[in-house]
Amino acid sequence: MPVVLLIIVGAAAGFIATRLMRIEAGIVQTVLIGIGGALIGGLAIRFLVAITGALAGLVGALLGALLLIWVWQTFRQR
């Protein structure tokens, strides 16, 4: 199942990336671009989380809190 999920996520990421970068690629190339990007991005994120540790948790918690405050203020004004 993880391989199928990787292909699906890779296809979606490749599609979005090729559109954002305005390049023309076939289906296979798009999926491979997405899978490669997922692998590179996943390794980079794991590396950063391993280095930053608790700081990454703090940043995530801060971003979540900011989002929650924004949603609360947005719906409170209605």
PDB file of N, CA and C in Angstrom:
ATOM      1  N   MET A   1       0.803  -1.213   0.000  1.00  0.00           N
ATOM      2  CA  MET A   1       0.000   0.000   0.000  1.00  0.00           C
ATOM      3  C   MET A   1       0.843   1.273   0.000  1.00  0.00           C
ATOM      4  N   PRO A   2       1.972   1.333   0.741  1.00  0.00           N
ATOM      5  CA  PRO A   2       2.775   2.560   0.715  1.00  0.00           C
ATOM      6  C   PRO A   2       3.285   2.907  -0.678  1.00  0.00           C
ATOM      7  N   VAL A   3       3.555   1.919  -1.526  1.00  0.00           N
ATOM      8  CA  VAL A   3       4.038   2.195  -2.873  1.00  0.00           C
ATOM      9  C   VAL A   3       2.938   2.853  -3.698  1.00  0.00           C
ATOM     10  N   VAL A   4       1.717   2.360  -3.565  1.00  0.00           N
ATOM     11  CA  VAL A   4       0.587   2.946  -4.292  1.00  0.00           C
ATOM     12  C   VAL A   4       0.351   4.370  -3.814  1.00  0.00           C
ATOM     13  N   LEU A   5       0.441   4.584  -2.512  1.00  0.00           N
ATOM     14  CA  LEU A   5       0.256   5.926  -1.958  1.00  0.00           C
ATOM     15  C   LEU A   5       1.355   6.866  -2.450  1.00  0.00           C
ATOM     16  N   LEU A   6       2.597   6.363  -2.510  1.00  0.00           N
ATOM     17  CA  LEU A   6       3.703   7.170  -3.015  1.00  0.00           C
ATOM     18  C   LEU A   6       3.474   7.572  -4.462  1.00  0.00           C
ATOM     19  N   ILE A   7       2.958   6.662  -5.271  1.00  0.00           N
ATOM     20  CA  ILE A   7       2.689   6.973  -6.682  1.00  0.00           C
ATOM     21  C   ILE A   7       1.573   8.010  -6.805  1.00  0.00           C
ATOM     22  N   ILE A   8       0.519   7.858  -6.004  1.00  0.00           N
ATOM     23  CA  ILE A   8      -0.602   8.800  -6.061  1.00  0.00           C
ATOM     24  C   ILE A   8      -0.158  10.194  -5.615  1.00  0.00           C
ATOM     25  N   VAL A   9       0.539  10.255  -4.477  1.00  0.00           N
ATOM     26  CA  VAL A   9       1.023  11.547  -3.982  1.00  0.00           C
ATOM     27  C   VAL A   9       2.047  12.131  -4.945  1.00  0.00           C
ATOM     28  N   GLY A  10       2.908  11.269  -5.500  1.00  0.00           N
ATOM     29  CA  GLY A  10       3.896  11.723  -6.464  1.00  0.00           C
ATOM     30  C   GLY A  10       3.262  12.287  -7.716  1.00  0.00           C
ATOM     31  N   ALA A  11       2.205  11.641  -8.185  1.00  0.00           N
ATOM     32  CA  ALA A  11       1.503  12.135  -9.366  1.00  0.00           C
ATOM     33  C   ALA A  11       0.886  13.506  -9.095  1.00  0.00           C
ATOM     34  N   ALA A  12       0.272  13.654  -7.930  1.00  0.00           N
ATOM     35  CA  ALA A  12      -0.345  14.939  -7.586  1.00  0.00           C
ATOM     36  C   ALA A  12       0.715  16.026  -7.432  1.00  0.00           C
ATOM     37  N   ALA A  13       1.790  15.709  -6.712  1.00  0.00           N
ATOM     38  CA  ALA A  13       2.851  16.699  -6.503  1.00  0.00           C
ATOM     39  C   ALA A  13       3.533  17.046  -7.824  1.00  0.00           C
ATOM     40  N   GLY A  14       3.767  16.048  -8.655  1.00  0.00           N
ATOM     41  CA  GLY A  14       4.384  16.299  -9.957  1.00  0.00           C
ATOM     42  C   GLY A  14       3.507  17.159 -10.844  1.00  0.00           C
ATOM     43  N   PHE A  15       2.204  16.887 -10.830  1.00  0.00           N
ATOM     44  CA  PHE A  15       1.268  17.683 -11.621  1.00  0.00           C
ATOM     45  C   PHE A  15       1.293  19.146 -11.181  1.00  0.00           C
ATOM     46  N   ILE A  16       1.215  19.361  -9.877  1.00  0.00           N
ATOM     47  CA  ILE A  16       1.213  20.727  -9.358  1.00  0.00           C
ATOM     48  C   ILE A  16       2.544  21.417  -9.657  1.00  0.00           C
ATOM     49  N   ALA A  17       3.651  20.687  -9.446  1.00  0.00           N
ATOM     50  CA  ALA A  17       4.973  21.281  -9.675  1.00  0.00           C
ATOM     51  C   ALA A  17       5.188  21.637 -11.142  1.00  0.00           C
ATOM     52  N   THR A  18       4.770  20.743 -12.047  1.00  0.00           N
ATOM     53  CA  THR A  18       4.961  21.055 -13.469  1.00  0.00           C
ATOM     54  C   THR A  18       4.098  22.239 -13.897  1.00  0.00           C
ATOM     55  N   ARG A  19       2.937  22.393 -13.306  1.00  0.00           N
ATOM     56  CA  ARG A  19       2.093  23.541 -13.639  1.00  0.00           C
ATOM     57  C   ARG A  19       2.669  24.826 -13.069  1.00  0.00           C
ATOM     58  N   LEU A  20       3.180  24.758 -11.827  1.00  0.00           N
ATOM     59  CA  LEU A  20       3.766  25.959 -11.222  1.00  0.00           C
ATOM     60  C   LEU A  20       5.025  26.404 -11.947  1.00  0.00           C
ATOM     61  N   MET A  21       5.813  25.440 -12.419  1.00  0.00           N
ATOM     62  CA  MET A  21       7.054  25.767 -13.121  1.00  0.00           C
ATOM     63  C   MET A  21       6.834  25.957 -14.622  1.00  0.00           C
ATOM     64  N   ARG A  22       5.614  25.754 -15.077  1.00  0.00           N
ATOM     65  CA  ARG A  22       5.215  25.931 -16.476  1.00  0.00           C
ATOM     66  C   ARG A  22       6.086  25.115 -17.434  1.00  0.00           C
ATOM     67  N   ILE A  23       6.186  23.797 -17.146  1.00  0.00           N
ATOM     68  CA  ILE A  23       6.895  22.905 -18.060  1.00  0.00           C
ATOM     69  C   ILE A  23       5.923  21.849 -18.555  1.00  0.00           C
ATOM     70  N   GLU A  24       6.175  21.359 -19.735  1.00  0.00           N
ATOM     71  CA  GLU A  24       5.361  20.301 -20.308  1.00  0.00           C
ATOM     72  C   GLU A  24       6.075  18.974 -20.082  1.00  0.00           C
ATOM     73  N   ALA A  25       5.385  18.021 -19.494  1.00  0.00           N
ATOM     74  CA  ALA A  25       5.959  16.701 -19.240  1.00  0.00           C
ATOM     75  C   ALA A  25       4.862  15.669 -19.426  1.00  0.00           C
ATOM     76  N   GLY A  26       5.261  14.476 -19.826  1.00  0.00           N
ATOM     77  CA  GLY A  26       4.313  13.386 -19.971  1.00  0.00           C
ATOM     78  C   GLY A  26       3.895  12.854 -18.611  1.00  0.00           C
ATOM     79  N   ILE A  27       2.983  11.909 -18.629  1.00  0.00           N
ATOM     80  CA  ILE A  27       2.464  11.357 -17.380  1.00  0.00           C
ATOM     81  C   ILE A  27       3.571  10.685 -16.579  1.00  0.00           C
ATOM     82  N   VAL A  28       4.376   9.866 -17.233  1.00  0.00           N
ATOM     83  CA  VAL A  28       5.435   9.141 -16.525  1.00  0.00           C
ATOM     84  C   VAL A  28       6.448  10.123 -15.937  1.00  0.00           C
ATOM     85  N   GLN A  29       6.853  11.116 -16.710  1.00  0.00           N
ATOM     86  CA  GLN A  29       7.815  12.095 -16.217  1.00  0.00           C
ATOM     87  C   GLN A  29       7.233  12.898 -15.046  1.00  0.00           C
ATOM     88  N   THR A  30       5.948  13.233 -15.142  1.00  0.00           N
ATOM     89  CA  THR A  30       5.296  13.988 -14.080  1.00  0.00           C
ATOM     90  C   THR A  30       5.285  13.188 -12.788  1.00  0.00           C
ATOM     91  N   VAL A  31       4.937  11.904 -12.888  1.00  0.00           N
ATOM     92  CA  VAL A  31       4.911  11.053 -11.695  1.00  0.00           C
ATOM     93  C   VAL A  31       6.319  10.900 -11.123  1.00  0.00           C
ATOM     94  N   LEU A  32       7.314  10.696 -11.986  1.00  0.00           N
ATOM     95  CA  LEU A  32       8.688  10.545 -11.509  1.00  0.00           C
ATOM     96  C   LEU A  32       9.205  11.829 -10.862  1.00  0.00           C
ATOM     97  N   ILE A  33       8.847  12.968 -11.426  1.00  0.00           N
ATOM     98  CA  ILE A  33       9.229  14.247 -10.817  1.00  0.00           C
ATOM     99  C   ILE A  33       8.609  14.358  -9.421  1.00  0.00           C
ATOM    100  N   GLY A  34       7.350  13.995  -9.309  1.00  0.00           N
ATOM    101  CA  GLY A  34       6.665  14.069  -8.022  1.00  0.00           C
ATOM    102  C   GLY A  34       7.241  13.111  -7.002  1.00  0.00           C
ATOM    103  N   ILE A  35       7.531  11.867  -7.418  1.00  0.00           N
ATOM    104  CA  ILE A  35       8.103  10.885  -6.492  1.00  0.00           C
ATOM    105  C   ILE A  35       9.492  11.330  -6.055  1.00  0.00           C
ATOM    106  N   GLY A  36      10.298  11.808  -7.002  1.00  0.00           N
ATOM    107  CA  GLY A  36      11.622  12.312  -6.649  1.00  0.00           C
ATOM    108  C   GLY A  36      11.551  13.486  -5.693  1.00  0.00           C
ATOM    109  N   GLY A  37      10.630  14.382  -5.954  1.00  0.00           N
ATOM    110  CA  GLY A  37      10.442  15.525  -5.065  1.00  0.00           C
ATOM    111  C   GLY A  37       9.976  15.107  -3.685  1.00  0.00           C
ATOM    112  N   ALA A  38       9.109  14.093  -3.626  1.00  0.00           N
ATOM    113  CA  ALA A  38       8.641  13.593  -2.333  1.00  0.00           C
ATOM    114  C   ALA A  38       9.790  12.973  -1.541  1.00  0.00           C
ATOM    115  N   LEU A  39      10.640  12.236  -2.228  1.00  0.00           N
ATOM    116  CA  LEU A  39      11.778  11.627  -1.545  1.00  0.00           C
ATOM    117  C   LEU A  39      12.754  12.694  -1.045  1.00  0.00           C
ATOM    118  N   ILE A  40      13.078  13.649  -1.893  1.00  0.00           N
ATOM    119  CA  ILE A  40      14.011  14.713  -1.502  1.00  0.00           C
ATOM    120  C   ILE A  40      13.407  15.558  -0.381  1.00  0.00           C
ATOM    121  N   GLY A  41      12.157  15.958  -0.553  1.00  0.00           N
ATOM    122  CA  GLY A  41      11.490  16.772   0.471  1.00  0.00           C
ATOM    123  C   GLY A  41      11.338  16.029   1.785  1.00  0.00           C
ATOM    124  N   GLY A  42      10.983  14.737   1.705  1.00  0.00           N
ATOM    125  CA  GLY A  42      10.836  13.939   2.924  1.00  0.00           C
ATOM    126  C   GLY A  42      12.142  13.799   3.674  1.00  0.00           C
ATOM    127  N   LEU A  43      13.234  13.567   2.940  1.00  0.00           N
ATOM    128  CA  LEU A  43      14.540  13.472   3.589  1.00  0.00           C
ATOM    129  C   LEU A  43      14.952  14.807   4.206  1.00  0.00           C
ATOM    130  N   ALA A  44      14.686  15.894   3.501  1.00  0.00           N
ATOM    131  CA  ALA A  44      15.044  17.216   4.024  1.00  0.00           C
ATOM    132  C   ALA A  44      14.259  17.535   5.289  1.00  0.00           C
ATOM    133  N   ILE A  45      12.964  17.236   5.280  1.00  0.00           N
ATOM    134  CA  ILE A  45      12.135  17.499   6.463  1.00  0.00           C
ATOM    135  C   ILE A  45      12.587  16.641   7.638  1.00  0.00           C
ATOM    136  N   ARG A  46      12.852  15.351   7.384  1.00  0.00           N
ATOM    137  CA  ARG A  46      13.327  14.478   8.470  1.00  0.00           C
ATOM    138  C   ARG A  46      14.650  14.981   9.030  1.00  0.00           C
ATOM    139  N   PHE A  47      15.539  15.434   8.153  1.00  0.00           N
ATOM    140  CA  PHE A  47      16.822  15.963   8.587  1.00  0.00           C
ATOM    141  C   PHE A  47      16.622  17.205   9.453  1.00  0.00           C
ATOM    142  N   LEU A  48      15.771  18.115   9.010  1.00  0.00           N
ATOM    143  CA  LEU A  48      15.531  19.339   9.781  1.00  0.00           C
ATOM    144  C   LEU A  48      14.870  19.050  11.120  1.00  0.00           C
ATOM    145  N   VAL A  49      13.923  18.104  11.128  1.00  0.00           N
ATOM    146  CA  VAL A  49      13.251  17.759  12.382  1.00  0.00           C
ATOM    147  C   VAL A  49      14.237  17.092  13.338  1.00  0.00           C
ATOM    148  N   ALA A  50      15.106  16.245  12.814  1.00  0.00           N
ATOM    149  CA  ALA A  50      16.104  15.594  13.662  1.00  0.00           C
ATOM    150  C   ALA A  50      17.057  16.619  14.273  1.00  0.00           C
ATOM    151  N   ILE A  51      17.409  17.638  13.498  1.00  0.00           N
ATOM    152  CA  ILE A  51      18.342  18.652  14.006  1.00  0.00           C
ATOM    153  C   ILE A  51      17.643  19.585  14.991  1.00  0.00           C
ATOM    154  N   THR A  52      16.467  20.034  14.623  1.00  0.00           N
ATOM    155  CA  THR A  52      15.804  21.042  15.448  1.00  0.00           C
ATOM    156  C   THR A  52      15.043  20.449  16.620  1.00  0.00           C
ATOM    157  N   GLY A  53      14.556  19.214  16.497  1.00  0.00           N
ATOM    158  CA  GLY A  53      13.896  18.528  17.606  1.00  0.00           C
ATOM    159  C   GLY A  53      12.725  19.301  18.175  1.00  0.00           C
ATOM    160  N   ALA A  54      12.884  19.706  19.423  1.00  0.00           N
ATOM    161  CA  ALA A  54      11.794  20.372  20.138  1.00  0.00           C
ATOM    162  C   ALA A  54      11.444  21.716  19.510  1.00  0.00           C
ATOM    163  N   LEU A  55      12.435  22.363  18.906  1.00  0.00           N
ATOM    164  CA  LEU A  55      12.165  23.657  18.272  1.00  0.00           C
ATOM    165  C   LEU A  55      11.152  23.504  17.144  1.00  0.00           C
ATOM    166  N   ALA A  56      11.247  22.393  16.397  1.00  0.00           N
ATOM    167  CA  ALA A  56      10.282  22.146  15.328  1.00  0.00           C
ATOM    168  C   ALA A  56       8.883  21.964  15.916  1.00  0.00           C
ATOM    169  N   GLY A  57       8.799  21.279  17.038  1.00  0.00           N
ATOM    170  CA  GLY A  57       7.507  21.121  17.706  1.00  0.00           C
ATOM    171  C   GLY A  57       6.938  22.455  18.153  1.00  0.00           C
ATOM    172  N   LEU A  58       7.803  23.305  18.656  1.00  0.00           N
ATOM    173  CA  LEU A  58       7.367  24.630  19.087  1.00  0.00           C
ATOM    174  C   LEU A  58       6.869  25.450  17.912  1.00  0.00           C
ATOM    175  N   VAL A  59       7.602  25.404  16.807  1.00  0.00           N
ATOM    176  CA  VAL A  59       7.180  26.152  15.614  1.00  0.00           C
ATOM    177  C   VAL A  59       5.844  25.619  15.114  1.00  0.00           C
ATOM    178  N   GLY A  60       5.680  24.296  15.072  1.00  0.00           N
ATOM    179  CA  GLY A  60       4.413  23.706  14.650  1.00  0.00           C
ATOM    180  C   GLY A  60       3.272  24.103  15.561  1.00  0.00           C
ATOM    181  N   ALA A  61       3.526  24.072  16.862  1.00  0.00           N
ATOM    182  CA  ALA A  61       2.497  24.464  17.825  1.00  0.00           C
ATOM    183  C   ALA A  61       2.140  25.938  17.680  1.00  0.00           C
ATOM    184  N   LEU A  62       3.135  26.766  17.450  1.00  0.00           N
ATOM    185  CA  LEU A  62       2.887  28.199  17.255  1.00  0.00           C
ATOM    186  C   LEU A  62       2.058  28.451  16.004  1.00  0.00           C
ATOM    187  N   LEU A  63       2.415  27.789  14.908  1.00  0.00           N
ATOM    188  CA  LEU A  63       1.640  27.956  13.671  1.00  0.00           C
ATOM    189  C   LEU A  63       0.206  27.462  13.844  1.00  0.00           C
ATOM    190  N   GLY A  64       0.037  26.351  14.533  1.00  0.00           N
ATOM    191  CA  GLY A  64      -1.308  25.840  14.794  1.00  0.00           C
ATOM    192  C   GLY A  64      -2.122  26.797  15.645  1.00  0.00           C
ATOM    193  N   ALA A  65      -1.489  27.369  16.655  1.00  0.00           N
ATOM    194  CA  ALA A  65      -2.181  28.324  17.511  1.00  0.00           C
ATOM    195  C   ALA A  65      -2.567  29.585  16.746  1.00  0.00           C
ATOM    196  N   LEU A  66      -1.663  30.058  15.902  1.00  0.00           N
ATOM    197  CA  LEU A  66      -1.978  31.235  15.087  1.00  0.00           C
ATOM    198  C   LEU A  66      -3.149  30.963  14.149  1.00  0.00           C
ATOM    199  N   LEU A  67      -3.158  29.782  13.544  1.00  0.00           N
ATOM    200  CA  LEU A  67      -4.264  29.415  12.662  1.00  0.00           C
ATOM    201  C   LEU A  67      -5.577  29.339  13.432  1.00  0.00           C
ATOM    202  N   LEU A  68      -5.533  28.748  14.615  1.00  0.00           N
ATOM    203  CA  LEU A  68      -6.741  28.639  15.435  1.00  0.00           C
ATOM    204  C   LEU A  68      -7.267  30.012  15.826  1.00  0.00           C
ATOM    205  N   ILE A  69      -6.382  30.923  16.198  1.00  0.00           N
ATOM    206  CA  ILE A  69      -6.793  32.288  16.547  1.00  0.00           C
ATOM    207  C   ILE A  69      -7.405  32.986  15.342  1.00  0.00           C
ATOM    208  N   TRP A  70      -6.788  32.820  14.166  1.00  0.00           N
ATOM    209  CA  TRP A  70      -7.325  33.443  12.951  1.00  0.00           C
ATOM    210  C   TRP A  70      -8.719  32.924  12.643  1.00  0.00           C
ATOM    211  N   VAL A  71      -8.927  31.604  12.731  1.00  0.00           N
ATOM    212  CA  VAL A  71     -10.249  31.019  12.459  1.00  0.00           C
ATOM    213  C   VAL A  71     -11.257  31.525  13.481  1.00  0.00           C
ATOM    214  N   TRP A  72     -10.863  31.568  14.748  1.00  0.00           N
ATOM    215  CA  TRP A  72     -11.765  32.025  15.803  1.00  0.00           C
ATOM    216  C   TRP A  72     -12.176  33.474  15.576  1.00  0.00           C
ATOM    217  N   GLN A  73     -11.225  34.334  15.230  1.00  0.00           N
ATOM    218  CA  GLN A  73     -11.547  35.738  14.989  1.00  0.00           C
ATOM    219  C   GLN A  73     -12.392  35.915  13.740  1.00  0.00           C
ATOM    220  N   THR A  74     -12.134  35.107  12.727  1.00  0.00           N
ATOM    221  CA  THR A  74     -12.899  35.207  11.479  1.00  0.00           C
ATOM    222  C   THR A  74     -14.358  34.859  11.694  1.00  0.00           C
ATOM    223  N   PHE A  75     -14.618  33.773  12.430  1.00  0.00           N
ATOM    224  CA  PHE A  75     -15.997  33.356  12.630  1.00  0.00           C
ATOM    225  C   PHE A  75     -16.685  34.128  13.756  1.00  0.00           C
ATOM    226  N   ARG A  76     -15.945  34.730  14.656  1.00  0.00           N
ATOM    227  CA  ARG A  76     -16.531  35.516  15.733  1.00  0.00           C
ATOM    228  C   ARG A  76     -17.120  36.818  15.185  1.00  0.00           C
ATOM    229  N   GLN A  77     -16.545  37.342  14.114  1.00  0.00           N
ATOM    230  CA  GLN A  77     -17.005  38.605  13.544  1.00  0.00           C
ATOM    231  C   GLN A  77     -18.302  38.458  12.791  1.00  0.00           C
ATOM    232  N   ARG A  78     -18.690  37.246  12.451  1.00  0.00           N
ATOM    233  CA  ARG A  78     -19.922  37.051  11.673  1.00  0.00           C
ATOM    234  C   ARG A  78     -21.128  37.183  12.504  1.00  0.00           C
TER     235      ARG A  78
END
